[in-house]
Structure formats: structure tokens, C-alpha cells
Amino acid sequence: MQLPPPSPTIILMNKDFLSTDSYKGVRDFYPEDMAIQRYMFDVWGQTAESFGYERYDASILEPATLYKAKGAENVEMVNEQTYTFTDRGNREVTLRPEMTPSVARMIAKRSRELAFPVRWYSIPSLYRYERAQRGRLREHWQLNCDLFGSDDYTADVELIALGYQIFMNFGADESMFEILINDRQEMTALYESLGVTNEETQTKITRLNDHFDKITEEDYRKQLAGILGSTEKVVPILKAITNPSESDNKVKNGLAALGITNVRLDRTLARGFDYYTGTIFEFKDTDEANNRSLLGGGRYDNLAGLFGEEKIAGIGFGFGDVTMRHFLETHDLMTAGITAPDVMVIPTESEYNLHAHTLAQDLRKAGASVGVDISTKKVGKKLDAATKNYVTHVVVVGEDEVKTKTYELKNLATNEKTTGSAAELAAVLE
């Protein structure tokens, strides 16, 4: 009888294992990071819904034409800054770099069925192929809030007030951030009053204004003169943007009526998207350690027209999770115990682990989040770990507790102790 040949022995000759690093510009979310992400998303969602906004979502894949439709600048953005590819059906597809075109498409599709005004929000993942840096990654999540179907200025006030309330609900105060507002229509009226009527020239001035804080006044004057072809109108434009009259701005006055006073009219504010048609705004961190834009948006009354529908008034904003987290960390507003359970049950020996689990199950019925430390560490080490991880209460389970089914619930912050049965402790935690 002939035996089969022996199975080949696989020997790993190459020690170049796969890297444990994630793709450049994206993040892994370990449990502690995921807890922070969920905390931010929860506050975002709860705040939006408190203003009457409903949550929606869409696919991360969109036809590339959705982003190219606004002209040469957007075509360049799609070609150079997005993840765009041809699928197996020979269709050009883009991983969404922003959410506004998607929601405009969805609104246009059902415009005859919806009861306007419509208030929607989403927390999508977005993708941009660009150099990763602080506050800007290739993948991030973003709160988007949009109001469609009202061209009244109080809709603008509402959206900005919603953004303001998000910061308040994270524990911030007005000294920590500043709200900058401008208006594209008012800027156009300013240019036209000075005889600058060419739309292309106006757009160039707007883009130059957007860099006003990044260049010297001398450079600004030279570049503005180059755009205008003369120096005649340089001084009046410079005066208009550096000394704006704020008293007649309806949006700013409306926010003041709501008690929101950390607002400034900024005539250099432009925002990066050409589809903004009226009010534009940004929230900026006032701390020098994180002095950057946090939240931004504006009015875009023409977007639905791209889909063959009548114009639908719209205004919205986006707020990225990376900048949100940086703000919370900069101002020491990160809730310390967001990763911790309410109660940690600590068995003194491994033989009491199962009993500890049954107690934990009873306490969960009271609505508490309860963990069980089944590690082999000594009780003292387990208590230290619970304190370090911001657990608020502990219950130690040993031989006496198992026999009597009477336990001691200890508040680690106050050292207050409550003794009783599982049901009695559950009543305390309710």
C-alpha cells in the first residue's frame, strides 16, 4: 500500500508582517475613543431634536456629477480632493466629501410631498483626499443641520441659535467661542454700489477677503488693486470690510433678542462654497491654543434647482467631530466618566464571579450600567482601578455577601454607604 506524500510544512521565512497602522488620515476607535464619539453624537442629536429636527441619512456613494455640477472649481475639487472612481458598471462614483448636495437631492426628489419648512439633521461620515493635519482628516464625522422652505431671516437666527445651544449643552460659555456672520447678498450690494458689477471680479474679491487675516494689509491692497485693475476702489472696499455697520444686521439683532451676544459681523468672512447665497456664519474658538473655525454654514437658496425643481430656500451648517473633540479638550469640558459604568461589582475571589454577575444583572434592572471586575487582581487593586476609571459606585462580593445576600453599595465620590438586598440597592440606583 502506497502512502500519500506528507503535507508540506509552511515555514514563515519573511518577518515583514502586516502593519498594525490604519490607513493614513483615518482613525481607529478603541472603546475609550468610541465612548467619546458616542457622547458627542448623543449631545448633537439630543440638541438638534430639541429644536424639532428629524434625523435622516444617505449612502456614502454618490454620482460624481453631483459634486461637479457647480462648475470648474467643483470639478477640480472632485478630481483632486475626493475619492472618485469608476465602478464595475462604468459609472463615475464619489465617496461623499460633504452632505449638503445629498440632502438637497433628497429634498428635491420629494419636494411635492414634504410639508415645508423641513428641519433635518444627520451625522454622516465624510471623505476628502487631502493632507492630514490637526482638525482635518481624510475621514471624519460631521453633524449637519438644515432647514428648508423658509427664506425668512429668523430661519437663519434659528440655525445659529441651534449651533450656539450645542456648545451650551457641552458646558461651554460665551467666552470660549465667537460667532462670526456675514451676508453674500449684502457684499454683492456693496460691490455694485462701488461700480464693481462683474460677477467674476466679485468672486475674486470674495476669495481674497477670505484670506484677509492671513496676509498683511499691504498685500491685500496690492492683490485687490490687481483684481480691480486700478487703486481707485481699494480704499472704500477696505473701509467697508474693516469698519462694518452692525446696527442694521437683522440676524445679529435677532440673536441678541435670544440672549446670544458673542456675535460679530465680519465682512471678510466668505466660506469656501460657491453655493452660499445669503447669510454665512462661523463659530471660532477664542482660546489661542485652538484658535480655529469650529462650525460653519450658510444660506443656499439655489441648490434644489440643480435637480430641475423650483428653487427651495435652504440654510444649514456642518460641525466636525474632530474639531468638536479638540474644543472640548482645550476647554477641559470632556466628561471624565463617559467610558465608565455606574457600578462596578468586585468579587473578592474568582469562585464568587458568577454570584457577582447575578447581582450585576439584578442591578441593571434598575437602569444602571454595571460591570463586573473578574480579573485576578487583589481587591485593593480592583478598587483603585474603579476609582481611576471614574466608576461612581462599587459593591464588593465575598463569602459573607454570598451567604447573606446582603451587600454594601459605596459611593466613591462621597464615601456614602448603603447596605441592603439586591432589590434595595437597585431602588437606590433608580
Protein backbone atom coordinates (compact mmCIF):
# COMPACT_ATOMS: atom_id res chain seq x y z
CA MET A 1 0.00 0.00 0.00
CA GLN A 2 1.45 3.33 -1.07
CA LEU A 3 1.16 6.10 1.50
CA PRO A 4 0.23 9.63 0.39
CA PRO A 5 3.03 12.18 0.38
CA PRO A 6 3.40 14.14 3.59
CA SER A 7 1.70 17.54 3.80
CA PRO A 8 4.08 20.40 3.05
CA THR A 9 5.40 22.29 6.05
CA ILE A 10 4.80 26.01 5.81
CA ILE A 11 7.71 27.95 7.19
CA LEU A 12 7.43 31.72 7.57
CA MET A 13 10.69 32.92 6.07
CA ASN A 14 9.80 36.61 5.87
CA LYS A 15 9.49 38.58 9.09
CA ASP A 16 7.77 41.54 7.37
CA PHE A 17 4.35 41.18 8.98
CA LEU A 18 1.39 43.35 8.08
CA SER A 19 1.45 46.79 9.66
CA THR A 20 -0.90 47.49 12.54
CA ASP A 21 -1.25 51.12 11.42
CA SER A 22 -4.56 52.32 9.98
CA TYR A 23 -4.81 53.99 6.58
CA LYS A 24 -3.28 57.46 6.65
CA GLY A 25 -5.69 60.18 7.67
CA VAL A 26 -8.31 57.93 9.30
CA ARG A 27 -8.74 56.70 12.87
CA ASP A 28 -9.27 53.52 14.83
CA PHE A 29 -11.83 53.91 17.60
CA TYR A 30 -10.80 51.96 20.68
CA PRO A 31 -13.50 51.68 23.38
CA GLU A 32 -12.43 54.88 25.15
CA ASP A 33 -12.49 56.78 21.84
CA MET A 34 -15.80 55.25 20.84
CA ALA A 35 -17.30 56.33 24.16
CA ILE A 36 -16.26 59.93 23.49
CA GLN A 37 -17.64 59.72 19.95
CA ARG A 38 -20.97 58.40 21.20
CA TYR A 39 -21.11 61.11 23.85
CA MET A 40 -20.63 63.83 21.24
CA PHE A 41 -23.14 62.26 18.87
CA ASP A 42 -25.71 61.91 21.68
CA VAL A 43 -25.45 65.59 22.63
CA TRP A 44 -25.60 66.60 18.96
CA GLY A 45 -28.69 64.51 18.31
CA GLN A 46 -30.49 65.49 21.51
CA THR A 47 -29.86 69.19 20.85
CA ALA A 48 -31.00 69.03 17.22
CA GLU A 49 -34.14 67.15 18.18
CA SER A 50 -34.88 69.67 20.94
CA PHE A 51 -35.19 72.23 18.11
CA GLY A 52 -37.59 69.98 16.18
CA TYR A 53 -35.08 68.48 13.71
CA GLU A 54 -35.56 64.94 12.36
CA ARG A 55 -32.69 62.58 11.57
CA TYR A 56 -32.04 61.30 8.03
CA ASP A 57 -29.15 59.59 6.24
CA ALA A 58 -27.95 58.65 2.76
CA SER A 59 -25.37 56.39 1.14
CA ILE A 60 -21.71 57.35 1.26
CA LEU A 61 -21.64 56.75 -2.53
CA GLU A 62 -22.95 59.45 -4.87
CA PRO A 63 -22.61 60.03 -8.64
CA ALA A 64 -19.56 62.24 -9.20
CA THR A 65 -21.73 64.59 -11.28
CA LEU A 66 -23.48 65.66 -8.06
CA TYR A 67 -20.32 67.49 -7.00
CA LYS A 68 -19.16 68.61 -10.44
CA ALA A 69 -22.43 70.36 -11.25
CA LYS A 70 -21.46 73.73 -9.79
CA GLY A 71 -18.69 74.49 -12.25
CA ALA A 72 -14.93 74.34 -12.75
CA GLU A 73 -13.98 74.84 -9.10
CA ASN A 74 -16.04 71.83 -8.02
CA VAL A 75 -14.70 69.72 -10.90
CA GLU A 76 -11.19 70.46 -9.62
CA MET A 77 -12.28 69.54 -6.09
CA VAL A 78 -13.71 66.21 -7.29
CA ASN A 79 -10.64 65.39 -9.37
CA GLU A 80 -8.05 66.32 -6.76
CA GLN A 81 -9.61 66.16 -3.28
CA THR A 82 -12.12 63.31 -3.34
CA TYR A 83 -12.15 59.54 -3.53
CA THR A 84 -13.63 59.20 -7.02
CA PHE A 85 -13.54 56.00 -9.05
CA THR A 86 -15.27 54.14 -11.87
CA ASP A 87 -17.37 51.22 -10.68
CA ARG A 88 -17.91 47.92 -12.50
CA GLY A 89 -20.87 49.38 -14.31
CA ASN A 90 -18.60 52.09 -15.76
CA ARG A 91 -20.23 54.77 -13.57
CA GLU A 92 -18.12 57.52 -12.01
CA VAL A 93 -18.73 57.43 -8.26
CA THR A 94 -17.52 59.61 -5.37
CA LEU A 95 -17.31 58.92 -1.63
CA ARG A 96 -19.27 61.90 -0.32
CA PRO A 97 -16.98 64.80 0.70
CA GLU A 98 -19.93 66.78 2.11
CA MET A 99 -23.60 66.18 2.88
CA THR A 100 -25.38 69.27 1.55
CA PRO A 101 -25.67 68.10 -2.11
CA SER A 102 -27.09 64.77 -0.91
CA VAL A 103 -29.76 66.35 1.27
CA ALA A 104 -30.61 68.84 -1.50
CA ARG A 105 -31.08 65.88 -3.87
CA MET A 106 -33.33 64.12 -1.36
CA ILE A 107 -35.40 67.25 -0.72
CA ALA A 108 -35.79 67.90 -4.47
CA LYS A 109 -36.94 64.32 -5.07
CA ARG A 110 -39.84 64.66 -2.61
CA SER A 111 -40.44 68.39 -2.80
CA ARG A 112 -44.10 67.92 -3.74
CA GLU A 113 -44.75 65.58 -0.81
CA LEU A 114 -42.95 67.39 2.00
CA ALA A 115 -44.67 69.87 4.33
CA PHE A 116 -42.30 72.85 4.46
CA PRO A 117 -40.48 74.14 6.38
CA VAL A 118 -38.47 70.92 6.78
CA ARG A 119 -35.92 70.52 9.59
CA TRP A 120 -33.47 67.64 9.11
CA TYR A 121 -30.18 66.59 10.67
CA SER A 122 -27.64 63.83 10.09
CA ILE A 123 -24.25 62.66 11.41
CA PRO A 124 -22.56 61.19 8.30
CA SER A 125 -19.01 60.07 7.65
CA LEU A 126 -17.29 62.25 5.02
CA TYR A 127 -14.18 61.69 2.90
CA ARG A 128 -11.62 64.11 1.46
CA TYR A 129 -8.28 63.14 -0.05
CA GLU A 130 -6.09 65.87 1.39
CA ARG A 131 -3.09 66.28 3.65
CA ALA A 132 -3.95 65.08 7.14
CA GLN A 133 -3.36 67.74 9.82
CA ARG A 134 -4.77 68.91 13.16
CA GLY A 135 -8.53 69.26 12.84
CA ARG A 136 -8.60 67.93 9.27
CA LEU A 137 -8.51 64.23 8.39
CA ARG A 138 -9.33 62.19 5.30
CA GLU A 139 -12.31 60.65 7.06
CA HIS A 140 -14.41 62.35 9.68
CA TRP A 141 -17.95 62.52 11.01
CA GLN A 142 -19.98 65.69 10.90
CA LEU A 143 -23.22 66.98 12.35
CA ASN A 144 -25.31 68.53 9.56
CA CYS A 145 -28.42 70.55 10.38
CA ASP A 146 -30.54 72.03 7.59
CA LEU A 147 -33.79 73.96 7.38
CA PHE A 148 -35.60 74.02 4.02
CA GLY A 149 -38.59 76.03 2.84
CA SER A 150 -38.22 79.38 4.59
CA ASP A 151 -36.42 82.47 3.34
CA ASP A 152 -37.24 84.49 6.45
CA TYR A 153 -34.22 85.77 8.33
CA THR A 154 -35.47 84.13 11.53
CA ALA A 155 -34.62 80.75 9.95
CA ASP A 156 -31.00 81.96 9.88
CA VAL A 157 -31.34 83.01 13.50
CA GLU A 158 -32.72 79.58 14.40
CA LEU A 159 -29.84 77.66 12.80
CA ILE A 160 -27.21 79.81 14.51
CA ALA A 161 -29.08 79.52 17.81
CA LEU A 162 -29.05 75.72 17.40
CA GLY A 163 -25.28 75.80 16.92
CA TYR A 164 -24.95 78.02 19.97
CA GLN A 165 -27.05 75.65 22.09
CA ILE A 166 -24.81 72.72 21.18
CA PHE A 167 -21.89 74.49 22.85
CA MET A 168 -24.03 75.34 25.87
CA ASN A 169 -25.12 71.71 26.20
CA PHE A 170 -21.47 70.64 26.34
CA GLY A 171 -20.91 73.01 29.26
CA ALA A 172 -19.30 75.90 27.36
CA ASP A 173 -19.88 79.58 27.99
CA GLU A 174 -19.85 82.54 25.59
CA SER A 175 -16.27 83.48 26.41
CA MET A 176 -14.99 80.24 24.86
CA PHE A 177 -16.16 80.91 21.29
CA GLU A 178 -17.21 83.70 18.98
CA ILE A 179 -19.90 83.70 16.27
CA LEU A 180 -18.94 85.48 13.04
CA ILE A 181 -21.61 86.32 10.47
CA ASN A 182 -21.70 87.89 7.01
CA ASP A 183 -24.11 88.04 4.08
CA ARG A 184 -23.26 87.30 0.44
CA GLN A 185 -26.13 89.46 -0.85
CA GLU A 186 -25.03 92.41 1.26
CA MET A 187 -21.47 92.01 -0.04
CA THR A 188 -22.72 91.92 -3.64
CA ALA A 189 -24.73 95.10 -2.99
CA LEU A 190 -21.58 96.72 -1.58
CA TYR A 191 -19.52 95.87 -4.67
CA GLU A 192 -22.24 97.07 -7.02
CA SER A 193 -22.60 100.35 -5.09
CA LEU A 194 -18.92 100.91 -5.88
CA GLY A 195 -19.40 100.10 -9.57
CA VAL A 196 -17.96 96.57 -9.42
CA THR A 197 -20.69 94.68 -11.28
CA ASN A 198 -18.74 91.89 -12.96
CA GLU A 199 -19.65 88.59 -11.21
CA GLU A 200 -16.22 87.03 -11.81
CA THR A 201 -14.50 90.07 -10.30
CA GLN A 202 -16.82 89.97 -7.28
CA THR A 203 -15.98 86.28 -6.75
CA LYS A 204 -12.25 87.03 -6.86
CA ILE A 205 -12.67 89.79 -4.25
CA THR A 206 -14.69 87.44 -2.03
CA ARG A 207 -11.93 84.81 -2.20
CA LEU A 208 -9.31 87.43 -1.41
CA ASN A 209 -11.37 88.63 1.58
CA ASP A 210 -11.41 85.06 2.85
CA HIS A 211 -7.60 85.31 3.25
CA PHE A 212 -7.65 88.79 4.81
CA ASP A 213 -6.44 87.56 8.23
CA LYS A 214 -3.63 85.53 6.68
CA ILE A 215 -1.90 88.34 4.75
CA THR A 216 -0.70 91.86 5.51
CA GLU A 217 -2.84 94.87 4.70
CA GLU A 218 -0.24 95.94 2.14
CA ASP A 219 -0.50 92.58 0.36
CA TYR A 220 -4.28 92.82 0.48
CA ARG A 221 -4.23 96.28 -1.11
CA LYS A 222 -1.88 95.10 -3.89
CA GLN A 223 -3.91 91.99 -4.69
CA LEU A 224 -7.20 93.91 -4.59
CA ALA A 225 -5.80 96.55 -6.94
CA GLY A 226 -4.73 93.75 -9.28
CA ILE A 227 -8.25 92.29 -9.31
CA LEU A 228 -9.89 95.69 -9.88
CA GLY A 229 -7.35 96.85 -12.41
CA SER A 230 -6.85 100.12 -10.50
CA THR A 231 -6.42 101.50 -6.98
CA GLU A 232 -9.50 103.74 -7.13
CA LYS A 233 -11.90 101.43 -5.25
CA VAL A 234 -9.36 99.79 -2.92
CA VAL A 235 -9.83 102.20 -0.01
CA PRO A 236 -13.67 102.16 0.02
CA ILE A 237 -13.75 98.33 -0.08
CA LEU A 238 -11.09 98.07 2.64
CA LYS A 239 -13.01 100.56 4.81
CA ALA A 240 -16.27 98.66 4.30
CA ILE A 241 -14.84 95.33 5.44
CA THR A 242 -12.76 96.64 8.35
CA ASN A 243 -15.40 99.02 9.80
CA PRO A 244 -18.78 97.40 9.13
CA SER A 245 -22.01 98.89 10.44
CA GLU A 246 -23.62 96.22 12.62
CA SER A 247 -26.75 98.03 13.80
CA ASP A 248 -28.88 97.16 10.76
CA ASN A 249 -27.99 93.45 10.57
CA LYS A 250 -31.25 91.54 11.19
CA VAL A 251 -29.62 88.21 12.01
CA LYS A 252 -27.28 89.70 14.61
CA ASN A 253 -30.15 91.65 16.15
CA GLY A 254 -32.32 88.53 16.17
CA LEU A 255 -29.65 86.56 18.02
CA ALA A 256 -29.35 89.39 20.56
CA ALA A 257 -33.10 89.09 21.16
CA LEU A 258 -32.50 85.44 22.10
CA GLY A 259 -29.77 86.44 24.55
CA ILE A 260 -26.90 85.39 22.27
CA THR A 261 -24.36 88.20 22.40
CA ASN A 262 -20.98 86.72 21.40
CA VAL A 263 -21.70 87.63 17.76
CA ARG A 264 -19.64 89.82 15.42
CA LEU A 265 -20.30 90.98 11.86
CA ASP A 266 -17.22 90.01 9.82
CA ARG A 267 -17.21 91.33 6.24
CA THR A 268 -14.12 89.26 5.36
CA LEU A 269 -15.96 86.01 6.08
CA ALA A 270 -16.56 84.17 2.80
CA ARG A 271 -16.83 80.41 3.48
CA GLY A 272 -15.47 78.01 0.89
CA PHE A 273 -18.55 77.03 -1.13
CA ASP A 274 -19.90 78.99 -4.07
CA TYR A 275 -23.45 77.80 -3.47
CA TYR A 276 -23.97 80.06 -0.45
CA THR A 277 -26.34 82.86 -1.47
CA GLY A 278 -27.09 84.87 1.68
CA THR A 279 -26.17 84.63 5.35
CA ILE A 280 -22.91 82.82 6.12
CA PHE A 281 -21.52 82.15 9.57
CA GLU A 282 -18.71 80.51 11.51
CA PHE A 283 -18.11 79.70 15.17
CA LYS A 284 -14.48 80.23 16.21
CA ASP A 285 -12.62 79.09 19.31
CA THR A 286 -11.29 82.06 21.27
CA ASP A 287 -8.53 80.07 23.01
CA GLU A 288 -5.12 80.70 21.43
CA ALA A 289 -4.30 77.02 21.82
CA ASN A 290 -7.14 76.14 19.43
CA ASN A 291 -7.92 79.40 17.63
CA ARG A 292 -9.71 77.97 14.61
CA SER A 293 -13.09 77.65 12.94
CA LEU A 294 -15.32 75.08 14.65
CA LEU A 295 -18.72 75.17 12.94
CA GLY A 296 -19.71 76.80 9.68
CA GLY A 297 -22.61 77.17 7.31
CA GLY A 298 -24.92 79.48 5.48
CA ARG A 299 -27.90 80.00 3.21
CA TYR A 300 -28.07 78.20 -0.15
CA ASP A 301 -31.35 79.04 -1.85
CA ASN A 302 -30.42 77.69 -5.31
CA LEU A 303 -29.24 74.12 -4.70
CA ALA A 304 -32.51 72.30 -5.39
CA GLY A 305 -32.58 73.99 -8.82
CA LEU A 306 -29.76 71.67 -9.91
CA PHE A 307 -32.32 68.85 -9.98
CA GLY A 308 -34.87 70.60 -12.18
CA GLU A 309 -37.05 71.68 -9.29
CA GLU A 310 -38.15 75.17 -8.38
CA LYS A 311 -35.86 76.98 -6.01
CA ILE A 312 -36.22 75.85 -2.41
CA ALA A 313 -34.86 78.11 0.30
CA GLY A 314 -32.33 76.35 2.50
CA ILE A 315 -29.86 77.10 5.26
CA GLY A 316 -27.62 74.74 7.19
CA PHE A 317 -24.32 74.09 8.93
CA GLY A 318 -21.74 71.38 9.47
CA PHE A 319 -19.78 70.62 12.65
CA GLY A 320 -16.96 68.06 12.51
CA ASP A 321 -16.26 65.53 15.24
CA VAL A 322 -12.51 66.23 15.22
CA THR A 323 -12.92 69.96 15.85
CA MET A 324 -15.64 69.25 18.42
CA ARG A 325 -13.32 66.99 20.40
CA HIS A 326 -10.43 69.48 20.20
CA PHE A 327 -12.72 72.20 21.56
CA LEU A 328 -13.86 70.03 24.48
CA GLU A 329 -10.29 69.05 25.32
CA THR A 330 -8.96 72.61 25.01
CA HIS A 331 -11.55 73.96 27.44
CA ASP A 332 -11.47 70.95 29.80
CA LEU A 333 -15.10 70.11 29.04
CA MET A 334 -14.64 66.42 28.32
CA THR A 335 -16.85 64.45 30.69
CA ALA A 336 -14.42 62.31 32.66
CA GLY A 337 -16.59 59.27 33.29
CA ILE A 338 -18.22 58.74 29.90
CA THR A 339 -16.47 55.40 29.47
CA ALA A 340 -17.31 54.11 32.94
CA PRO A 341 -20.24 52.06 34.22
CA ASP A 342 -22.30 53.42 37.12
CA VAL A 343 -21.43 50.46 39.33
CA MET A 344 -18.54 48.01 39.46
CA VAL A 345 -19.22 44.72 41.25
CA ILE A 346 -15.96 43.36 42.68
CA PRO A 347 -15.71 39.68 43.65
CA THR A 348 -13.00 39.02 46.23
CA GLU A 349 -12.18 35.60 44.74
CA SER A 350 -12.83 34.01 41.35
CA GLU A 351 -15.22 31.49 42.95
CA TYR A 352 -17.63 34.40 43.54
CA ASN A 353 -17.55 35.65 39.94
CA LEU A 354 -20.84 34.05 38.93
CA HIS A 355 -22.62 35.38 42.01
CA ALA A 356 -21.24 38.83 41.17
CA HIS A 357 -22.72 38.50 37.69
CA THR A 358 -26.16 37.63 39.06
CA LEU A 359 -26.03 40.66 41.36
CA ALA A 360 -24.99 42.86 38.43
CA GLN A 361 -27.94 41.54 36.42
CA ASP A 362 -30.34 42.48 39.23
CA LEU A 363 -28.87 45.99 39.46
CA ARG A 364 -29.16 46.51 35.70
CA LYS A 365 -32.92 46.08 36.02
CA ALA A 366 -32.88 49.41 37.83
CA GLY A 367 -31.47 51.01 34.70
CA ALA A 368 -27.89 51.27 35.96
CA SER A 369 -24.88 50.35 33.85
CA VAL A 370 -22.99 47.70 35.81
CA GLY A 371 -19.66 45.99 35.22
CA VAL A 372 -18.05 43.04 36.96
CA ASP A 373 -14.30 43.01 37.59
CA ILE A 374 -13.41 39.33 37.08
CA SER A 375 -9.67 39.99 36.91
CA THR A 376 -7.32 38.13 39.25
CA LYS A 377 -6.08 41.33 40.92
CA LYS A 378 -6.38 41.84 44.66
CA VAL A 379 -9.50 43.67 45.91
CA GLY A 380 -7.50 46.82 46.67
CA LYS A 381 -6.18 46.94 43.12
CA LYS A 382 -9.70 46.45 41.77
CA LEU A 383 -10.95 49.35 43.89
CA ASP A 384 -8.07 51.53 42.66
CA ALA A 385 -8.92 50.64 39.06
CA ALA A 386 -12.59 51.54 39.59
CA THR A 387 -11.62 54.92 41.04
CA LYS A 388 -9.13 55.60 38.27
CA ASN A 389 -11.76 54.82 35.62
CA TYR A 390 -14.31 57.20 37.21
CA VAL A 391 -16.74 54.49 38.33
CA THR A 392 -19.18 56.15 40.73
CA HIS A 393 -20.23 53.15 42.91
CA VAL A 394 -18.75 49.79 43.88
CA VAL A 395 -20.09 46.63 45.54
CA VAL A 396 -17.64 44.07 46.93
CA VAL A 397 -18.86 40.46 46.85
CA GLY A 398 -17.19 37.93 49.16
CA GLU A 399 -18.12 34.93 51.28
CA ASP A 400 -20.39 36.87 53.68
CA GLU A 401 -22.29 38.61 50.88
CA VAL A 402 -22.88 35.33 49.07
CA LYS A 403 -24.24 33.70 52.25
CA THR A 404 -26.43 36.57 53.46
CA LYS A 405 -27.30 38.13 50.07
CA THR A 406 -26.80 41.47 51.77
CA TYR A 407 -24.47 43.93 50.07
CA GLU A 408 -22.84 47.32 50.63
CA LEU A 409 -23.07 49.93 47.87
CA LYS A 410 -20.32 52.55 48.23
CA ASN A 411 -20.30 55.93 46.52
CA LEU A 412 -16.63 56.50 45.62
CA ALA A 413 -17.02 60.27 45.44
CA THR A 414 -18.71 60.81 48.82
CA ASN A 415 -17.84 57.55 50.64
CA GLU A 416 -21.55 57.23 51.46
CA LYS A 417 -22.55 53.59 52.01
CA THR A 418 -25.90 51.85 51.60
CA THR A 419 -26.47 48.33 52.89
CA GLY A 420 -29.29 46.07 51.70
CA SER A 421 -30.50 43.34 49.38
CA ALA A 422 -30.08 43.47 45.64
CA ALA A 423 -33.60 44.89 45.33
CA GLU A 424 -32.89 47.55 47.95
CA LEU A 425 -29.67 48.63 46.25
CA ALA A 426 -31.47 48.71 42.90
CA ALA A 427 -34.04 51.08 44.43
CA VAL A 428 -31.21 53.43 45.46
CA LEU A 429 -29.82 53.42 41.91
CA GLU A 430 -33.15 54.15 40.18
